[in-house]
Amino acid sequence: MNRNRILLLVFGILLLVFLWNYFFSSNESRNFKETLVAVDTTQITRITLTPRESNGESFDITKTGSTWEVSDATVKDEADIGVVRGMLSSIVKITPKRLVA
């Protein structure tokens, strides 16, 4: 066999191995935890957020009794419960996709 046929054969074998691993390998053998954070959302009473555009100024979402209030240094108002519940459920659903070392 000449050199080009050998290289083509090696390339074909490597391509088949790659495609086999890509389509038929299972992701069940991960070496890191599936759950990053275990949060009991009923125990959360305060959330502090610092937007990038705010130059370090933050605002708080605080639970008072059964209602949530949003406040910063000057303003205090009732928060939308749907938005707060959505935020808390998003935190619970965070899962890792890859391990970076």
C-alpha atoms as a PDB file:
ATOM      1  CA  MET A   1       0.000   0.000   0.000  1.00  0.00           C
ATOM      2  CA  ASN A   2       1.231   3.448  -0.683  1.00  0.00           C
ATOM      3  CA  ARG A   3       1.445   6.225   1.835  1.00  0.00           C
ATOM      4  CA  ASN A   4      -1.767   8.035   0.843  1.00  0.00           C
ATOM      5  CA  ARG A   5      -3.882   4.889   1.262  1.00  0.00           C
ATOM      6  CA  ILE A   6      -2.428   4.265   4.715  1.00  0.00           C
ATOM      7  CA  LEU A   7      -3.141   7.841   5.800  1.00  0.00           C
ATOM      8  CA  LEU A   8      -6.657   7.656   4.357  1.00  0.00           C
ATOM      9  CA  LEU A   9      -7.307   4.384   6.205  1.00  0.00           C
ATOM     10  CA  VAL A  10      -6.049   5.807   9.524  1.00  0.00           C
ATOM     11  CA  PHE A  11      -8.165   8.944   9.020  1.00  0.00           C
ATOM     12  CA  GLY A  12     -11.243   6.830   8.259  1.00  0.00           C
ATOM     13  CA  ILE A  13     -10.761   4.710  11.382  1.00  0.00           C
ATOM     14  CA  LEU A  14     -10.304   7.809  13.571  1.00  0.00           C
ATOM     15  CA  LEU A  15     -13.401   9.384  12.039  1.00  0.00           C
ATOM     16  CA  LEU A  16     -15.458   6.258  12.757  1.00  0.00           C
ATOM     17  CA  VAL A  17     -14.228   6.155  16.376  1.00  0.00           C
ATOM     18  CA  PHE A  18     -15.107   9.837  16.822  1.00  0.00           C
ATOM     19  CA  LEU A  19     -18.580   9.436  15.330  1.00  0.00           C
ATOM     20  CA  TRP A  20     -19.239   6.325  17.426  1.00  0.00           C
ATOM     21  CA  ASN A  21     -18.295   8.154  20.631  1.00  0.00           C
ATOM     22  CA  TYR A  22     -20.245  11.257  19.659  1.00  0.00           C
ATOM     23  CA  PHE A  23     -23.528   9.506  18.868  1.00  0.00           C
ATOM     24  CA  PHE A  24     -23.519   6.368  21.005  1.00  0.00           C
ATOM     25  CA  SER A  25     -21.667   7.228  24.189  1.00  0.00           C
ATOM     26  CA  SER A  26     -23.776   7.892  27.270  1.00  0.00           C
ATOM     27  CA  ASN A  27     -23.341  10.927  29.502  1.00  0.00           C
ATOM     28  CA  GLU A  28     -24.069   8.904  32.637  1.00  0.00           C
ATOM     29  CA  SER A  29     -20.427   8.526  33.631  1.00  0.00           C
ATOM     30  CA  ARG A  30     -19.760  12.056  34.823  1.00  0.00           C
ATOM     31  CA  ASN A  31     -17.030  12.692  37.326  1.00  0.00           C
ATOM     32  CA  PHE A  32     -18.711  15.667  39.017  1.00  0.00           C
ATOM     33  CA  LYS A  33     -21.872  16.259  40.967  1.00  0.00           C
ATOM     34  CA  GLU A  34     -25.113  16.688  39.058  1.00  0.00           C
ATOM     35  CA  THR A  35     -26.498  19.074  41.692  1.00  0.00           C
ATOM     36  CA  LEU A  36     -24.594  22.282  42.370  1.00  0.00           C
ATOM     37  CA  VAL A  37     -26.863  23.744  45.000  1.00  0.00           C
ATOM     38  CA  ALA A  38     -29.449  22.151  47.281  1.00  0.00           C
ATOM     39  CA  VAL A  39     -31.783  24.978  48.255  1.00  0.00           C
ATOM     40  CA  ASP A  40     -34.911  24.952  50.373  1.00  0.00           C
ATOM     41  CA  THR A  41     -36.740  27.909  48.855  1.00  0.00           C
ATOM     42  CA  THR A  42     -39.106  28.185  51.813  1.00  0.00           C
ATOM     43  CA  GLN A  43     -36.166  29.178  54.032  1.00  0.00           C
ATOM     44  CA  ILE A  44     -35.023  32.070  51.808  1.00  0.00           C
ATOM     45  CA  THR A  45     -36.040  35.441  53.226  1.00  0.00           C
ATOM     46  CA  ARG A  46     -33.720  37.830  51.386  1.00  0.00           C
ATOM     47  CA  ILE A  47     -32.155  38.081  47.931  1.00  0.00           C
ATOM     48  CA  THR A  48     -29.554  40.735  47.140  1.00  0.00           C
ATOM     49  CA  LEU A  49     -28.877  41.591  43.486  1.00  0.00           C
ATOM     50  CA  THR A  50     -26.147  43.784  42.067  1.00  0.00           C
ATOM     51  CA  PRO A  51     -26.660  44.584  38.367  1.00  0.00           C
ATOM     52  CA  ARG A  52     -23.553  45.147  36.240  1.00  0.00           C
ATOM     53  CA  GLU A  53     -24.752  48.533  35.080  1.00  0.00           C
ATOM     54  CA  SER A  54     -25.363  49.845  38.608  1.00  0.00           C
ATOM     55  CA  ASN A  55     -21.696  50.571  39.481  1.00  0.00           C
ATOM     56  CA  GLY A  56     -21.784  48.374  42.581  1.00  0.00           C
ATOM     57  CA  GLU A  57     -25.136  49.552  43.925  1.00  0.00           C
ATOM     58  CA  SER A  58     -27.391  46.657  44.897  1.00  0.00           C
ATOM     59  CA  PHE A  59     -31.045  46.177  45.708  1.00  0.00           C
ATOM     60  CA  ASP A  60     -32.752  43.703  48.015  1.00  0.00           C
ATOM     61  CA  ILE A  61     -35.816  41.513  47.670  1.00  0.00           C
ATOM     62  CA  THR A  62     -37.001  40.769  51.205  1.00  0.00           C
ATOM     63  CA  LYS A  63     -39.758  38.484  52.456  1.00  0.00           C
ATOM     64  CA  THR A  64     -41.965  40.132  55.074  1.00  0.00           C
ATOM     65  CA  GLY A  65     -44.598  37.701  56.334  1.00  0.00           C
ATOM     66  CA  SER A  66     -46.122  36.264  53.172  1.00  0.00           C
ATOM     67  CA  THR A  67     -45.265  39.176  50.858  1.00  0.00           C
ATOM     68  CA  TRP A  68     -42.038  40.100  49.103  1.00  0.00           C
ATOM     69  CA  GLU A  69     -40.714  43.659  48.965  1.00  0.00           C
ATOM     70  CA  VAL A  70     -38.077  45.104  46.680  1.00  0.00           C
ATOM     71  CA  SER A  71     -35.984  48.012  47.936  1.00  0.00           C
ATOM     72  CA  ASP A  72     -32.835  49.953  47.269  1.00  0.00           C
ATOM     73  CA  ALA A  73     -31.308  52.927  49.071  1.00  0.00           C
ATOM     74  CA  THR A  74     -34.238  55.242  48.304  1.00  0.00           C
ATOM     75  CA  VAL A  75     -37.300  53.241  47.150  1.00  0.00           C
ATOM     76  CA  LYS A  76     -39.305  50.421  48.739  1.00  0.00           C
ATOM     77  CA  ASP A  77     -42.216  48.674  46.985  1.00  0.00           C
ATOM     78  CA  GLU A  78     -44.055  45.358  46.812  1.00  0.00           C
ATOM     79  CA  ALA A  79     -42.415  42.795  44.539  1.00  0.00           C
ATOM     80  CA  ASP A  80     -44.251  40.706  41.961  1.00  0.00           C
ATOM     81  CA  ILE A  81     -44.615  37.254  43.552  1.00  0.00           C
ATOM     82  CA  GLY A  82     -44.501  35.544  40.148  1.00  0.00           C
ATOM     83  CA  VAL A  83     -41.106  37.040  39.380  1.00  0.00           C
ATOM     84  CA  VAL A  84     -39.744  36.045  42.795  1.00  0.00           C
ATOM     85  CA  ARG A  85     -41.028  32.469  42.435  1.00  0.00           C
ATOM     86  CA  GLY A  86     -39.538  32.263  38.945  1.00  0.00           C
ATOM     87  CA  MET A  87     -36.188  33.478  40.243  1.00  0.00           C
ATOM     88  CA  LEU A  88     -36.176  30.933  43.071  1.00  0.00           C
ATOM     89  CA  SER A  89     -37.155  28.063  40.771  1.00  0.00           C
ATOM     90  CA  SER A  90     -34.372  29.059  38.361  1.00  0.00           C
ATOM     91  CA  ILE A  91     -31.836  28.879  41.180  1.00  0.00           C
ATOM     92  CA  VAL A  92     -33.005  25.376  42.110  1.00  0.00           C
ATOM     93  CA  LYS A  93     -32.761  24.166  38.485  1.00  0.00           C
ATOM     94  CA  ILE A  94     -29.116  25.153  37.946  1.00  0.00           C
ATOM     95  CA  THR A  95     -27.154  22.103  36.776  1.00  0.00           C
ATOM     96  CA  PRO A  96     -23.551  21.784  35.604  1.00  0.00           C
ATOM     97  CA  LYS A  97     -22.886  20.897  31.972  1.00  0.00           C
ATOM     98  CA  ARG A  98     -19.093  20.552  31.942  1.00  0.00           C
ATOM     99  CA  LEU A  99     -16.162  20.295  34.254  1.00  0.00           C
ATOM    100  CA  VAL A 100     -13.509  22.941  33.717  1.00  0.00           C
ATOM    101  CA  ALA A 101     -10.113  22.322  35.174  1.00  0.00           C
END
